[in-house]
Amino acid sequence: MDLPRKAQLSGVHDAWLCPVTRRLLPITFKGLTPYLPLTATDELAKCERVEMPRLPAPFWPESEEKAREWLETDEKVRKLRSMGAWSDLNDRIAGFSPYFRSVEHSAQIKGNLLTRREKEFKEGRINLLSCSTTMEMGVDIGGLSAVAMNNVPPHPANFLQRAGRAGRRGEKSALSFTLCKSTPQGEAVFNNPLWAFTTALSVPQVALQSGRIIQRHVNALSLTQFLVQNT
């Protein structure tokens, strides 16, 4: 399909309010909603035609107050509000409010998708990452200004790894925010905010006193050798 010759972009000046979904539809067939129920009456079939408001300018160069004033005084906007067809989300879109585009970053996501999300986050196309412990080690994303943790990490090293993700590229300010839940660990950290900086880090050790763990390793090694020799 030759889009430059066959397609045309245009604004929606008149819309149709669907009586079933209460959505604004850009176009209908003879004013009928495409969301017809099995038993449709005229009240549930015919859409109401409404005139859409038009922004005074493509952007708001003056101030946010001008945008709020227009949203509260424009007659078309007020009519759509009274019909339940204009919500606070429409206000944010019309006022060009700051937005968050959030995605998940965890071990459940495929590697190529994680790489793409990290790239888009660095480019600013994604500005909020909801991460598991995958972000603690081995991933360096610069330009972070804030890190929020929804619980207290189990160890000071975990806390320092997570909080240290912010402010790694010379940002003017960096913030680390931790939610302390009503648990012994959370309440202890809430009462001692310097916990991660004053607690001595223990040296990692390997203990061979557990016979059960040693037996598991022996079993795994024996099974590996058996499979190698018999396959």
C-alpha atoms as a PDB file:
ATOM      1  CA  MET A   1       0.000   0.000   0.000  1.00  0.00           C
ATOM      2  CA  ASP A   2       1.395   3.355  -1.067  1.00  0.00           C
ATOM      3  CA  LEU A   3       0.776   5.325   2.132  1.00  0.00           C
ATOM      4  CA  PRO A   4       1.982   8.753   0.854  1.00  0.00           C
ATOM      5  CA  ARG A   5      -0.582   8.559  -1.965  1.00  0.00           C
ATOM      6  CA  LYS A   6      -3.391   6.569  -0.325  1.00  0.00           C
ATOM      7  CA  ALA A   7      -3.326   7.731   3.305  1.00  0.00           C
ATOM      8  CA  GLN A   8      -3.873  11.098   4.919  1.00  0.00           C
ATOM      9  CA  LEU A   9      -3.407  12.211   8.514  1.00  0.00           C
ATOM     10  CA  SER A  10      -6.064  14.469   9.970  1.00  0.00           C
ATOM     11  CA  GLY A  11      -7.212  15.639  13.359  1.00  0.00           C
ATOM     12  CA  VAL A  12     -10.430  14.438  14.981  1.00  0.00           C
ATOM     13  CA  HIS A  13     -12.705  17.459  15.086  1.00  0.00           C
ATOM     14  CA  ASP A  14     -15.961  15.546  15.616  1.00  0.00           C
ATOM     15  CA  ALA A  15     -16.152  12.332  17.608  1.00  0.00           C
ATOM     16  CA  TRP A  16     -18.843   9.852  18.561  1.00  0.00           C
ATOM     17  CA  LEU A  17     -19.583   8.913  22.178  1.00  0.00           C
ATOM     18  CA  CYS A  18     -20.220   5.172  22.370  1.00  0.00           C
ATOM     19  CA  PRO A  19     -23.203   4.429  24.667  1.00  0.00           C
ATOM     20  CA  VAL A  20     -21.820   0.966  25.514  1.00  0.00           C
ATOM     21  CA  THR A  21     -18.155   1.638  26.337  1.00  0.00           C
ATOM     22  CA  ARG A  22     -18.421   5.414  26.943  1.00  0.00           C
ATOM     23  CA  ARG A  23     -15.422   5.851  24.651  1.00  0.00           C
ATOM     24  CA  LEU A  24     -14.929   8.561  22.075  1.00  0.00           C
ATOM     25  CA  LEU A  25     -14.768   7.024  18.606  1.00  0.00           C
ATOM     26  CA  PRO A  26     -13.169   8.953  15.714  1.00  0.00           C
ATOM     27  CA  ILE A  27     -15.584   7.516  13.142  1.00  0.00           C
ATOM     28  CA  THR A  28     -18.641   5.275  12.966  1.00  0.00           C
ATOM     29  CA  PHE A  29     -20.858   3.689  10.333  1.00  0.00           C
ATOM     30  CA  LYS A  30     -24.089   5.682  10.202  1.00  0.00           C
ATOM     31  CA  GLY A  31     -23.581   6.688  13.830  1.00  0.00           C
ATOM     32  CA  LEU A  32     -23.764   3.091  15.104  1.00  0.00           C
ATOM     33  CA  THR A  33     -21.312   1.790  17.691  1.00  0.00           C
ATOM     34  CA  PRO A  34     -19.155  -1.210  16.700  1.00  0.00           C
ATOM     35  CA  TYR A  35     -19.557  -2.522  20.270  1.00  0.00           C
ATOM     36  CA  LEU A  36     -23.168  -3.599  19.800  1.00  0.00           C
ATOM     37  CA  PRO A  37     -24.483  -6.046  22.407  1.00  0.00           C
ATOM     38  CA  LEU A  38     -26.441  -9.124  21.372  1.00  0.00           C
ATOM     39  CA  THR A  39     -29.743  -7.404  22.135  1.00  0.00           C
ATOM     40  CA  ALA A  40     -29.305  -3.782  21.108  1.00  0.00           C
ATOM     41  CA  THR A  41     -31.817  -0.996  21.481  1.00  0.00           C
ATOM     42  CA  ASP A  42     -31.632   2.460  19.956  1.00  0.00           C
ATOM     43  CA  GLU A  43     -30.171   3.750  23.236  1.00  0.00           C
ATOM     44  CA  LEU A  44     -27.336   1.206  23.062  1.00  0.00           C
ATOM     45  CA  ALA A  45     -26.744   1.384  19.314  1.00  0.00           C
ATOM     46  CA  LYS A  46     -26.672   5.050  18.351  1.00  0.00           C
ATOM     47  CA  CYS A  47     -23.639   7.140  19.276  1.00  0.00           C
ATOM     48  CA  GLU A  48     -23.874  10.788  20.223  1.00  0.00           C
ATOM     49  CA  ARG A  49     -21.926  13.164  18.057  1.00  0.00           C
ATOM     50  CA  VAL A  50     -19.743  15.625  19.999  1.00  0.00           C
ATOM     51  CA  GLU A  51     -17.398  18.386  18.937  1.00  0.00           C
ATOM     52  CA  MET A  52     -13.839  17.903  20.106  1.00  0.00           C
ATOM     53  CA  PRO A  53     -11.926  20.804  21.693  1.00  0.00           C
ATOM     54  CA  ARG A  54      -8.884  22.187  19.918  1.00  0.00           C
ATOM     55  CA  LEU A  55      -5.765  23.346  21.717  1.00  0.00           C
ATOM     56  CA  PRO A  56      -5.071  27.071  21.361  1.00  0.00           C
ATOM     57  CA  ALA A  57      -1.471  26.221  20.443  1.00  0.00           C
ATOM     58  CA  PRO A  58       0.406  23.021  19.584  1.00  0.00           C
ATOM     59  CA  PHE A  59       2.495  23.530  22.742  1.00  0.00           C
ATOM     60  CA  TRP A  60       2.165  25.610  25.902  1.00  0.00           C
ATOM     61  CA  PRO A  61       5.111  28.044  25.723  1.00  0.00           C
ATOM     62  CA  GLU A  62       3.873  30.382  28.426  1.00  0.00           C
ATOM     63  CA  SER A  63       3.139  28.429  31.615  1.00  0.00           C
ATOM     64  CA  GLU A  64       1.237  25.521  33.122  1.00  0.00           C
ATOM     65  CA  GLU A  65      -1.243  27.995  34.593  1.00  0.00           C
ATOM     66  CA  LYS A  66      -2.404  28.903  31.078  1.00  0.00           C
ATOM     67  CA  ALA A  67      -3.036  25.245  30.285  1.00  0.00           C
ATOM     68  CA  ARG A  68      -4.990  24.708  33.512  1.00  0.00           C
ATOM     69  CA  GLU A  69      -7.021  27.863  32.891  1.00  0.00           C
ATOM     70  CA  TRP A  70      -7.961  26.707  29.401  1.00  0.00           C
ATOM     71  CA  LEU A  71      -8.877  23.213  30.641  1.00  0.00           C
ATOM     72  CA  GLU A  72     -11.233  24.705  33.231  1.00  0.00           C
ATOM     73  CA  THR A  73     -12.890  27.317  31.012  1.00  0.00           C
ATOM     74  CA  ASP A  74     -13.185  25.776  27.546  1.00  0.00           C
ATOM     75  CA  GLU A  75     -16.857  24.991  26.884  1.00  0.00           C
ATOM     76  CA  LYS A  76     -16.149  21.885  24.811  1.00  0.00           C
ATOM     77  CA  VAL A  77     -13.938  20.428  27.503  1.00  0.00           C
ATOM     78  CA  ARG A  78     -16.542  21.177  30.166  1.00  0.00           C
ATOM     79  CA  LYS A  79     -19.235  19.472  28.120  1.00  0.00           C
ATOM     80  CA  LEU A  80     -17.113  16.364  27.668  1.00  0.00           C
ATOM     81  CA  ARG A  81     -16.420  16.323  31.421  1.00  0.00           C
ATOM     82  CA  SER A  82     -20.139  16.401  32.159  1.00  0.00           C
ATOM     83  CA  MET A  83     -20.623  13.450  29.796  1.00  0.00           C
ATOM     84  CA  GLY A  84     -17.838  11.450  31.503  1.00  0.00           C
ATOM     85  CA  ALA A  85     -15.768  11.449  28.306  1.00  0.00           C
ATOM     86  CA  TRP A  86     -12.920  13.705  29.498  1.00  0.00           C
ATOM     87  CA  SER A  87     -10.800  12.514  32.425  1.00  0.00           C
ATOM     88  CA  ASP A  88      -7.695  13.656  34.250  1.00  0.00           C
ATOM     89  CA  LEU A  89      -5.659  11.634  31.752  1.00  0.00           C
ATOM     90  CA  ASN A  90      -6.996  13.857  28.969  1.00  0.00           C
ATOM     91  CA  ASP A  91      -5.950  16.876  31.047  1.00  0.00           C
ATOM     92  CA  ARG A  92      -2.408  15.566  31.306  1.00  0.00           C
ATOM     93  CA  ILE A  93      -2.208  14.848  27.572  1.00  0.00           C
ATOM     94  CA  ALA A  94      -3.606  18.243  26.598  1.00  0.00           C
ATOM     95  CA  GLY A  95      -1.347  20.026  29.083  1.00  0.00           C
ATOM     96  CA  PHE A  96       1.783  18.136  28.008  1.00  0.00           C
ATOM     97  CA  SER A  97       2.403  17.002  31.571  1.00  0.00           C
ATOM     98  CA  PRO A  98       5.590  15.063  32.335  1.00  0.00           C
ATOM     99  CA  TYR A  99       5.078  11.332  31.899  1.00  0.00           C
ATOM    100  CA  PHE A 100       6.640   8.050  32.957  1.00  0.00           C
ATOM    101  CA  ARG A 101       7.154   5.120  30.609  1.00  0.00           C
ATOM    102  CA  SER A 102       7.937   2.140  32.823  1.00  0.00           C
ATOM    103  CA  VAL A 103       9.048  -1.398  31.939  1.00  0.00           C
ATOM    104  CA  GLU A 104      10.186  -4.456  33.883  1.00  0.00           C
ATOM    105  CA  HIS A 105      13.829  -5.495  34.191  1.00  0.00           C
ATOM    106  CA  SER A 106      14.077  -8.978  35.695  1.00  0.00           C
ATOM    107  CA  ALA A 107      15.397 -12.481  35.060  1.00  0.00           C
ATOM    108  CA  GLN A 108      12.023 -13.461  33.582  1.00  0.00           C
ATOM    109  CA  ILE A 109      12.692 -11.209  30.561  1.00  0.00           C
ATOM    110  CA  LYS A 110      14.621 -12.580  27.587  1.00  0.00           C
ATOM    111  CA  GLY A 111      18.198 -11.374  27.211  1.00  0.00           C
ATOM    112  CA  ASN A 112      17.720  -9.561  23.896  1.00  0.00           C
ATOM    113  CA  LEU A 113      14.679  -7.728  25.283  1.00  0.00           C
ATOM    114  CA  LEU A 114      16.604  -6.731  28.421  1.00  0.00           C
ATOM    115  CA  THR A 115      19.406  -5.333  26.259  1.00  0.00           C
ATOM    116  CA  ARG A 116      16.917  -3.336  24.201  1.00  0.00           C
ATOM    117  CA  ARG A 117      15.225  -1.946  27.301  1.00  0.00           C
ATOM    118  CA  GLU A 118      18.558  -0.917  28.785  1.00  0.00           C
ATOM    119  CA  LYS A 119      19.438   0.845  25.515  1.00  0.00           C
ATOM    120  CA  GLU A 120      16.089   2.687  25.416  1.00  0.00           C
ATOM    121  CA  PHE A 121      16.512   3.645  29.070  1.00  0.00           C
ATOM    122  CA  LYS A 122      19.925   5.144  28.350  1.00  0.00           C
ATOM    123  CA  GLU A 123      18.457   7.070  25.411  1.00  0.00           C
ATOM    124  CA  GLY A 124      15.631   8.459  27.551  1.00  0.00           C
ATOM    125  CA  ARG A 125      12.860   6.651  25.649  1.00  0.00           C
ATOM    126  CA  ILE A 126      12.131   4.782  28.903  1.00  0.00           C
ATOM    127  CA  ASN A 127      12.425   6.799  32.087  1.00  0.00           C
ATOM    128  CA  LEU A 128      11.388   4.294  34.767  1.00  0.00           C
ATOM    129  CA  LEU A 129      12.763   0.775  35.268  1.00  0.00           C
ATOM    130  CA  SER A 130      11.132  -1.632  37.719  1.00  0.00           C
ATOM    131  CA  CYS A 131      14.048  -3.923  38.548  1.00  0.00           C
ATOM    132  CA  SER A 132      14.679  -7.100  40.455  1.00  0.00           C
ATOM    133  CA  THR A 133      18.146  -8.034  41.713  1.00  0.00           C
ATOM    134  CA  THR A 134      19.277  -8.231  38.071  1.00  0.00           C
ATOM    135  CA  MET A 135      20.324  -4.581  38.358  1.00  0.00           C
ATOM    136  CA  GLU A 136      22.663  -5.133  41.313  1.00  0.00           C
ATOM    137  CA  MET A 137      25.695  -6.529  39.521  1.00  0.00           C
ATOM    138  CA  GLY A 138      27.081  -6.457  36.000  1.00  0.00           C
ATOM    139  CA  VAL A 139      24.812  -3.742  34.564  1.00  0.00           C
ATOM    140  CA  ASP A 140      26.045  -0.158  34.318  1.00  0.00           C
ATOM    141  CA  ILE A 141      23.464   2.416  33.277  1.00  0.00           C
ATOM    142  CA  GLY A 142      24.678   5.980  33.602  1.00  0.00           C
ATOM    143  CA  GLY A 143      22.563   9.071  33.999  1.00  0.00           C
ATOM    144  CA  LEU A 144      20.392   7.773  36.845  1.00  0.00           C
ATOM    145  CA  SER A 145      19.198  10.495  39.181  1.00  0.00           C
ATOM    146  CA  ALA A 146      17.091   8.443  41.611  1.00  0.00           C
ATOM    147  CA  VAL A 147      16.803   4.886  42.903  1.00  0.00           C
ATOM    148  CA  ALA A 148      13.738   3.773  44.885  1.00  0.00           C
ATOM    149  CA  MET A 149      13.712   0.455  46.758  1.00  0.00           C
ATOM    150  CA  ASN A 150      10.378  -1.036  47.795  1.00  0.00           C
ATOM    151  CA  ASN A 151      11.989  -2.883  50.725  1.00  0.00           C
ATOM    152  CA  VAL A 152      15.200  -2.979  52.726  1.00  0.00           C
ATOM    153  CA  PRO A 153      17.868  -5.128  51.043  1.00  0.00           C
ATOM    154  CA  PRO A 154      18.994  -8.123  53.104  1.00  0.00           C
ATOM    155  CA  HIS A 155      22.623  -7.010  53.391  1.00  0.00           C
ATOM    156  CA  PRO A 156      24.499  -3.691  53.380  1.00  0.00           C
ATOM    157  CA  ALA A 157      26.371  -4.762  50.251  1.00  0.00           C
ATOM    158  CA  ASN A 158      23.058  -5.191  48.409  1.00  0.00           C
ATOM    159  CA  PHE A 159      21.956  -1.734  49.524  1.00  0.00           C
ATOM    160  CA  LEU A 160      25.192  -0.095  48.401  1.00  0.00           C
ATOM    161  CA  GLN A 161      25.027  -1.850  45.033  1.00  0.00           C
ATOM    162  CA  ARG A 162      21.471  -0.653  44.390  1.00  0.00           C
ATOM    163  CA  ALA A 163      21.820   2.866  45.767  1.00  0.00           C
ATOM    164  CA  GLY A 164      25.129   3.294  43.952  1.00  0.00           C
ATOM    165  CA  ARG A 165      23.391   3.093  40.592  1.00  0.00           C
ATOM    166  CA  ALA A 166      22.376   6.747  40.923  1.00  0.00           C
ATOM    167  CA  GLY A 167      24.832   9.607  40.436  1.00  0.00           C
ATOM    168  CA  ARG A 168      27.492   7.718  38.488  1.00  0.00           C
ATOM    169  CA  ARG A 169      27.858  10.240  35.655  1.00  0.00           C
ATOM    170  CA  GLY A 170      28.413  13.492  37.510  1.00  0.00           C
ATOM    171  CA  GLU A 171      24.731  14.358  38.036  1.00  0.00           C
ATOM    172  CA  LYS A 172      24.142  17.499  40.056  1.00  0.00           C
ATOM    173  CA  SER A 173      22.019  15.545  42.520  1.00  0.00           C
ATOM    174  CA  ALA A 174      21.250  11.893  43.185  1.00  0.00           C
ATOM    175  CA  LEU A 175      18.607  10.393  45.445  1.00  0.00           C
ATOM    176  CA  SER A 176      18.163   6.976  47.022  1.00  0.00           C
ATOM    177  CA  PHE A 177      14.805   6.263  48.642  1.00  0.00           C
ATOM    178  CA  THR A 178      13.975   3.102  50.619  1.00  0.00           C
ATOM    179  CA  LEU A 179      10.586   1.943  51.876  1.00  0.00           C
ATOM    180  CA  CYS A 180      10.978   0.337  55.297  1.00  0.00           C
ATOM    181  CA  LYS A 181       8.201  -2.176  55.870  1.00  0.00           C
ATOM    182  CA  SER A 182       6.867  -3.141  59.274  1.00  0.00           C
ATOM    183  CA  THR A 183       9.312  -6.017  59.703  1.00  0.00           C
ATOM    184  CA  PRO A 184      12.204  -6.418  62.150  1.00  0.00           C
ATOM    185  CA  GLN A 185      14.700  -5.650  59.365  1.00  0.00           C
ATOM    186  CA  GLY A 186      12.698  -2.709  58.031  1.00  0.00           C
ATOM    187  CA  GLU A 187      12.102  -1.114  61.432  1.00  0.00           C
ATOM    188  CA  ALA A 188      15.749  -1.547  62.435  1.00  0.00           C
ATOM    189  CA  VAL A 189      16.932   0.261  59.302  1.00  0.00           C
ATOM    190  CA  PHE A 190      14.256   2.958  59.728  1.00  0.00           C
ATOM    191  CA  ASN A 191      15.639   3.694  63.201  1.00  0.00           C
ATOM    192  CA  ASN A 192      19.236   3.583  61.943  1.00  0.00           C
ATOM    193  CA  PRO A 193      19.430   5.147  58.441  1.00  0.00           C
ATOM    194  CA  LEU A 194      23.242   4.842  58.457  1.00  0.00           C
ATOM    195  CA  TRP A 195      22.956   1.064  58.769  1.00  0.00           C
ATOM    196  CA  ALA A 196      24.532   0.360  55.383  1.00  0.00           C
ATOM    197  CA  PHE A 197      27.498   2.633  56.085  1.00  0.00           C
ATOM    198  CA  THR A 198      28.271   1.621  59.658  1.00  0.00           C
ATOM    199  CA  THR A 199      27.766  -2.152  59.458  1.00  0.00           C
ATOM    200  CA  ALA A 200      30.984  -4.078  58.944  1.00  0.00           C
ATOM    201  CA  LEU A 201      30.942  -6.191  55.789  1.00  0.00           C
ATOM    202  CA  SER A 202      31.754  -9.822  56.503  1.00  0.00           C
ATOM    203  CA  VAL A 203      34.382 -11.564  54.407  1.00  0.00           C
ATOM    204  CA  PRO A 204      32.893 -14.301  52.171  1.00  0.00           C
ATOM    205  CA  GLN A 205      33.801 -17.789  53.373  1.00  0.00           C
ATOM    206  CA  VAL A 206      33.316 -21.323  52.153  1.00  0.00           C
ATOM    207  CA  ALA A 207      32.248 -23.750  54.891  1.00  0.00           C
ATOM    208  CA  LEU A 208      32.456 -27.513  54.392  1.00  0.00           C
ATOM    209  CA  GLN A 209      30.799 -28.510  57.643  1.00  0.00           C
ATOM    210  CA  SER A 210      27.416 -29.285  56.050  1.00  0.00           C
ATOM    211  CA  GLY A 211      27.333 -32.935  55.118  1.00  0.00           C
ATOM    212  CA  ARG A 212      24.041 -32.525  53.276  1.00  0.00           C
ATOM    213  CA  ILE A 213      25.417 -29.859  50.930  1.00  0.00           C
ATOM    214  CA  ILE A 214      28.611 -31.820  50.294  1.00  0.00           C
ATOM    215  CA  GLN A 215      26.546 -34.906  49.498  1.00  0.00           C
ATOM    216  CA  ARG A 216      24.520 -32.915  46.940  1.00  0.00           C
ATOM    217  CA  HIS A 217      27.710 -31.831  45.171  1.00  0.00           C
ATOM    218  CA  VAL A 218      29.047 -35.388  45.171  1.00  0.00           C
ATOM    219  CA  ASN A 219      25.758 -36.674  43.754  1.00  0.00           C
ATOM    220  CA  ALA A 220      25.751 -33.987  41.045  1.00  0.00           C
ATOM    221  CA  LEU A 221      29.373 -34.764  40.083  1.00  0.00           C
ATOM    222  CA  SER A 222      28.683 -38.511  39.978  1.00  0.00           C
ATOM    223  CA  LEU A 223      25.580 -38.032  37.845  1.00  0.00           C
ATOM    224  CA  THR A 224      27.487 -35.756  35.452  1.00  0.00           C
ATOM    225  CA  GLN A 225      30.258 -38.315  34.992  1.00  0.00           C
ATOM    226  CA  PHE A 226      27.696 -41.096  34.457  1.00  0.00           C
ATOM    227  CA  LEU A 227      25.827 -39.134  31.789  1.00  0.00           C
ATOM    228  CA  VAL A 228      29.076 -38.172  30.019  1.00  0.00           C
ATOM    229  CA  GLN A 229      30.227 -41.785  29.848  1.00  0.00           C
ATOM    230  CA  ASN A 230      26.877 -43.281  28.819  1.00  0.00           C
ATOM    231  CA  THR A 231      25.548 -40.815  26.248  1.00  0.00           C
END
